[in-house]
Every structure is written in structure tokens, then in C-alpha cells.
Amino acid sequence: MPDGEKPKRDQPDQPDAPVRQDSQVQQDPQVQQDPDETAAARRRRRAQFLRELHEAKALRDRVQPRRARAARMRQAMRMRTFRW
């Protein structure tokens, strides 16, 4: 490259690299939706997950009171400094 010349950014470094299309992206089999699943079943699963998540957070707060108190203080400070 001559002095002062910058590399061209519009050309890829590897011209032989294949371009991946969205249709070629492989999804995780667990993420793919079951076509037989209804919206109600999905809502039930989501509600169950959220209940378990809330229970796990409550348990963590009980067994780690110092961390929970610090988190409450940080949240309170955030809310005090928040502008509507």
C-alpha cells in the first residue's frame, strides 16, 4: 500500500467468505415453536416460569439479606433521581 493510502472499507477482507442469509440461520430446536401449541398453553407456561422466577428471587433475597438490602437501596436511589 503506498504511503498515506487507506484500505478500502467497502470491500470485504475475505472475498470468498459466504454471505449468510436469514433463511439459512439454524435455530435452536428448543427455541422453535411447536405448531400444535396454543396461545393459552404458551401463556400458562410463561405464567409458571414467571412464578418460579419470582420465587427464586425471593429465596435469594432471604438467604442474602445484605445483597438484597444493597439492591433495594440502589433501586431507591434510581427512583429518587429519575425524572418524569
Protein backbone atom coordinates (compact mmCIF):
# COMPACT_ATOMS: atom_id res chain seq x y z
CA MET A 1 0.00 0.00 0.00
CA PRO A 2 1.53 3.37 -0.93
CA ASP A 3 2.16 6.00 1.72
CA GLY A 4 -0.98 7.68 3.01
CA GLU A 5 -3.40 5.36 1.18
CA LYS A 6 -6.10 3.89 3.39
CA PRO A 7 -7.60 0.45 2.84
CA LYS A 8 -10.99 0.40 1.20
CA ARG A 9 -13.67 -0.48 3.72
CA ASP A 10 -16.42 -1.26 1.24
CA GLN A 11 -14.67 -4.46 0.13
CA PRO A 12 -14.66 -7.47 2.46
CA ASP A 13 -11.32 -8.75 3.72
CA GLN A 14 -12.21 -12.26 2.58
CA PRO A 15 -13.89 -12.14 -0.82
CA ASP A 16 -14.58 -15.91 -0.78
CA ALA A 17 -16.49 -15.80 2.52
CA PRO A 18 -20.10 -16.97 2.01
CA VAL A 19 -22.84 -14.49 2.80
CA ARG A 20 -25.31 -15.94 5.29
CA GLN A 21 -28.96 -15.34 4.55
CA ASP A 22 -31.60 -15.16 7.30
CA SER A 23 -33.26 -18.26 5.92
CA GLN A 24 -30.02 -20.20 6.39
CA VAL A 25 -29.68 -19.43 10.10
CA GLN A 26 -30.20 -22.58 12.14
CA GLN A 27 -32.33 -22.08 15.23
CA ASP A 28 -32.00 -23.97 18.48
CA PRO A 29 -34.55 -26.83 18.44
CA GLN A 30 -35.79 -25.86 21.90
CA VAL A 31 -36.50 -22.31 20.74
CA GLN A 32 -38.61 -23.34 17.76
CA GLN A 33 -42.34 -23.13 18.42
CA ASP A 34 -44.40 -26.29 18.44
CA PRO A 35 -47.10 -25.79 15.79
CA ASP A 36 -49.65 -27.65 17.93
CA GLU A 37 -49.11 -25.37 20.94
CA THR A 38 -51.94 -22.94 21.53
CA ALA A 39 -51.60 -19.40 22.77
CA ALA A 40 -53.27 -20.43 26.04
CA ALA A 41 -50.67 -23.16 26.62
CA ARG A 42 -47.90 -20.69 25.94
CA ARG A 43 -49.41 -18.21 28.41
CA ARG A 44 -49.68 -20.97 31.05
CA ARG A 45 -46.04 -21.92 30.58
CA ARG A 46 -44.98 -18.26 30.75
CA ALA A 47 -47.02 -17.67 33.91
CA GLN A 48 -45.48 -20.75 35.54
CA PHE A 49 -41.99 -19.54 34.59
CA LEU A 50 -42.64 -16.07 36.00
CA ARG A 51 -43.97 -17.57 39.26
CA GLU A 52 -40.85 -19.71 39.63
CA LEU A 53 -38.61 -16.76 38.80
CA HIS A 54 -40.30 -14.60 41.44
CA GLU A 55 -39.98 -17.42 43.98
CA ALA A 56 -36.27 -17.84 43.19
CA LYS A 57 -35.64 -14.10 43.59
CA ALA A 58 -37.49 -14.09 46.92
CA LEU A 59 -35.40 -17.04 48.11
CA ARG A 60 -32.19 -15.28 47.07
CA ASP A 61 -33.27 -12.17 48.96
CA ARG A 62 -33.91 -14.25 52.10
CA VAL A 63 -30.57 -16.05 52.03
CA GLN A 64 -28.51 -12.99 51.06
CA PRO A 65 -30.01 -10.12 53.08
CA ARG A 66 -27.02 -7.80 52.68
CA ARG A 67 -27.09 -8.06 48.89
CA ALA A 68 -30.88 -7.63 48.87
CA ARG A 69 -30.68 -4.53 51.05
CA ALA A 70 -27.98 -3.02 48.80
CA ALA A 71 -30.13 -3.74 45.74
CA ARG A 72 -33.14 -2.06 47.40
CA MET A 73 -31.01 0.99 48.22
CA ARG A 74 -29.72 1.22 44.64
CA GLN A 75 -33.26 0.95 43.30
CA ALA A 76 -34.47 3.63 45.71
CA MET A 77 -31.64 5.93 44.62
CA ARG A 78 -32.52 5.32 40.97
CA MET A 79 -36.15 6.18 41.63
CA ARG A 80 -35.24 9.36 43.53
CA THR A 81 -33.09 10.63 40.69
CA PHE A 82 -35.48 9.61 37.91
CA ARG A 83 -37.11 12.46 36.01
CA TRP A 84 -40.64 12.04 34.66
